[in-house]
Amino acid sequence: MAGDLEDFLRRAAQRRQANAGNPPAAARPAAAQPAVPEQRKRPQYSNHRTERMIREVEEEIYVAEVVEDEPSPWQERQRKIEEAKRAAAEAESMAAKAMDKVKKSGAQASHPLDGGPQMTGNVAADLIRLLHSPQGVQQAVLLREILDRPIDRW
């Protein structure tokens, strides 16, 4: 671990020398090494008059823009399925609330022909139960005739 730190420092010193234009000491031959230490360059100071001058910069300014990906057909289908599930859950909760109102008011929804089986509020179960009885099928046909009037037979 201690050797790693020394290696890092040695490589950093070599990079600094390479950036300064001097080859690293290990790369120079022994005869080419100067006997006198190199003079340090004088630091360059800025001129306070030119430092605050406004200079025109003609560089292009990059601006980030938000790009939205178009959803794939599978993602669109998944979104529609989720939307349908939400709508079904909302419709079911509204039907349950309506059924609770009917139950609280004391009015019971019963089938007039088969002696009064009560509706449970579950639309699918009630429909299946009605279609299993002959009176339920008869009511479904009559309801269809009422809602979809057969004008062509008049």
Protein backbone atom coordinates (compact mmCIF):
# COMPACT_ATOMS: atom_id res chain seq x y z
CA MET A 1 0.00 0.00 0.00
CA ALA A 2 2.84 2.35 0.84
CA GLY A 3 4.47 1.46 -2.48
CA ASP A 4 1.27 2.39 -4.31
CA LEU A 5 1.36 5.87 -2.87
CA GLU A 6 4.97 6.34 -3.91
CA ASP A 7 4.22 5.08 -7.43
CA PHE A 8 1.32 7.48 -7.70
CA LEU A 9 3.41 10.43 -6.60
CA ARG A 10 6.24 9.46 -9.00
CA ARG A 11 3.79 9.22 -11.94
CA ALA A 12 2.23 12.56 -11.00
CA ALA A 13 5.66 14.21 -10.97
CA GLN A 14 6.45 12.72 -14.38
CA ARG A 15 3.19 14.06 -15.78
CA ARG A 16 3.92 17.53 -14.43
CA GLN A 17 7.34 17.50 -16.04
CA ALA A 18 5.89 16.28 -19.33
CA ASN A 19 3.32 19.08 -19.27
CA ALA A 20 6.05 21.61 -18.60
CA GLY A 21 7.93 20.42 -21.70
CA ASN A 22 10.70 18.65 -19.83
CA PRO A 23 11.06 14.90 -20.23
CA PRO A 24 11.02 12.99 -16.94
CA ALA A 25 14.35 12.52 -15.19
CA ALA A 26 14.23 8.75 -15.65
CA ALA A 27 13.83 9.16 -19.43
CA ARG A 28 16.76 11.60 -19.85
CA PRO A 29 20.23 10.19 -20.24
CA ALA A 30 22.65 10.95 -17.42
CA ALA A 31 24.89 13.08 -19.68
CA ALA A 32 21.98 15.24 -20.80
CA GLN A 33 20.89 16.16 -17.30
CA PRO A 34 21.85 19.73 -16.44
CA ALA A 35 24.35 20.18 -13.67
CA VAL A 36 22.74 23.46 -12.62
CA PRO A 37 19.17 23.43 -11.38
CA GLU A 38 16.71 24.96 -13.83
CA GLN A 39 15.61 28.50 -13.22
CA ARG A 40 12.04 28.90 -12.24
CA LYS A 41 9.85 30.82 -14.62
CA ARG A 42 8.54 34.08 -13.41
CA PRO A 43 4.84 33.99 -12.62
CA GLN A 44 2.63 35.77 -15.09
CA TYR A 45 0.32 38.32 -13.61
CA SER A 46 -2.73 39.66 -15.34
CA ASN A 47 -3.17 43.28 -16.27
CA HIS A 48 -5.95 44.86 -14.27
CA ARG A 49 -6.97 47.02 -17.24
CA THR A 50 -7.39 44.18 -19.69
CA GLU A 51 -8.74 41.79 -17.12
CA ARG A 52 -12.14 43.45 -16.98
CA MET A 53 -12.58 44.12 -20.67
CA ILE A 54 -15.56 42.47 -22.25
CA ARG A 55 -14.53 40.08 -24.98
CA GLU A 56 -16.87 38.76 -27.61
CA VAL A 57 -17.17 35.00 -27.37
CA GLU A 58 -18.32 33.31 -30.52
CA GLU A 59 -18.69 29.86 -29.08
CA GLU A 60 -21.90 28.00 -29.55
CA ILE A 61 -23.96 27.77 -26.40
CA TYR A 62 -25.35 24.31 -25.85
CA VAL A 63 -28.85 24.08 -24.45
CA ALA A 64 -30.34 20.86 -23.17
CA GLU A 65 -33.73 19.92 -24.48
CA VAL A 66 -36.15 17.33 -23.21
CA VAL A 67 -36.98 14.64 -25.72
CA GLU A 68 -39.83 12.30 -24.88
CA ASP A 69 -39.77 8.81 -26.27
CA GLU A 70 -42.85 7.64 -28.06
CA PRO A 71 -44.37 4.73 -26.17
CA SER A 72 -44.10 1.36 -27.83
CA PRO A 73 -47.29 -0.45 -28.87
CA TRP A 74 -46.87 -2.77 -25.89
CA GLN A 75 -46.57 0.12 -23.47
CA GLU A 76 -49.62 1.76 -25.03
CA ARG A 77 -51.57 -1.49 -24.70
CA GLN A 78 -50.46 -1.88 -21.08
CA ARG A 79 -51.59 1.70 -20.37
CA LYS A 80 -55.01 0.99 -21.91
CA ILE A 81 -55.36 -2.20 -19.86
CA GLU A 82 -54.53 -0.32 -16.66
CA GLU A 83 -57.01 2.41 -17.62
CA ALA A 84 -59.73 -0.21 -18.24
CA LYS A 85 -59.00 -1.85 -14.88
CA ARG A 86 -59.32 1.52 -13.14
CA ALA A 87 -62.60 2.24 -14.94
CA ALA A 88 -63.95 -1.20 -14.02
CA ALA A 89 -62.99 -0.74 -10.38
CA GLU A 90 -64.62 2.69 -10.35
CA ALA A 91 -67.81 1.33 -11.95
CA GLU A 92 -67.88 -1.52 -9.45
CA SER A 93 -67.52 0.85 -6.51
CA MET A 94 -70.28 3.08 -7.90
CA ALA A 95 -72.56 0.03 -8.31
CA ALA A 96 -71.79 -1.06 -4.76
CA LYS A 97 -72.64 2.43 -3.47
CA ALA A 98 -75.91 2.40 -5.42
CA MET A 99 -76.74 -1.04 -4.04
CA ASP A 100 -76.02 0.15 -0.51
CA LYS A 101 -78.41 3.07 -1.04
CA VAL A 102 -81.10 0.67 -2.24
CA LYS A 103 -80.56 -1.63 0.74
CA LYS A 104 -80.62 1.28 3.20
CA SER A 105 -83.84 2.69 1.80
CA GLY A 106 -85.56 -0.64 2.41
CA ALA A 107 -86.42 -1.25 -1.22
CA GLN A 108 -85.50 -4.71 -2.36
CA ALA A 109 -84.83 -5.45 -6.00
CA SER A 110 -86.44 -8.78 -6.76
CA HIS A 111 -87.25 -10.70 -9.86
CA PRO A 112 -91.01 -10.44 -10.47
CA LEU A 113 -91.50 -13.86 -12.07
CA ASP A 114 -89.62 -16.36 -9.92
CA GLY A 115 -90.84 -15.46 -6.48
CA GLY A 116 -88.34 -12.83 -5.47
CA PRO A 117 -84.64 -13.76 -5.68
CA GLN A 118 -82.73 -10.69 -4.65
CA MET A 119 -80.02 -8.98 -6.63
CA THR A 120 -76.64 -9.17 -4.94
CA GLY A 121 -75.04 -6.13 -6.55
CA ASN A 122 -72.44 -8.20 -8.39
CA VAL A 123 -73.50 -7.57 -11.98
CA ALA A 124 -71.76 -10.59 -13.48
CA ALA A 125 -73.09 -13.03 -10.89
CA ASP A 126 -76.64 -11.64 -11.18
CA LEU A 127 -76.53 -11.88 -14.98
CA ILE A 128 -75.31 -15.48 -14.89
CA ARG A 129 -78.02 -16.39 -12.36
CA LEU A 130 -80.71 -14.76 -14.53
CA LEU A 131 -79.51 -16.52 -17.69
CA HIS A 132 -79.66 -19.93 -15.98
CA SER A 133 -83.39 -19.56 -15.32
CA PRO A 134 -86.00 -19.53 -18.12
CA GLN A 135 -87.64 -16.42 -16.69
CA GLY A 136 -84.31 -14.58 -16.75
CA VAL A 137 -83.76 -15.39 -20.43
CA GLN A 138 -87.32 -14.29 -21.18
CA GLN A 139 -86.73 -11.01 -19.38
CA ALA A 140 -83.45 -10.48 -21.27
CA VAL A 141 -85.22 -10.95 -24.63
CA LEU A 142 -88.02 -8.56 -23.63
CA LEU A 143 -85.51 -6.01 -22.41
CA ARG A 144 -83.65 -6.22 -25.72
CA GLU A 145 -86.90 -5.74 -27.63
CA ILE A 146 -87.68 -2.68 -25.54
CA LEU A 147 -84.25 -1.09 -25.80
CA ASP A 148 -83.56 -2.02 -29.44
CA ARG A 149 -86.96 -1.40 -30.99
CA PRO A 150 -87.65 -3.58 -34.08
CA ILE A 151 -88.73 -0.79 -36.40
CA ASP A 152 -88.20 -2.94 -39.54
CA ARG A 153 -91.05 -5.27 -38.45
CA TRP A 154 -93.66 -2.53 -38.05
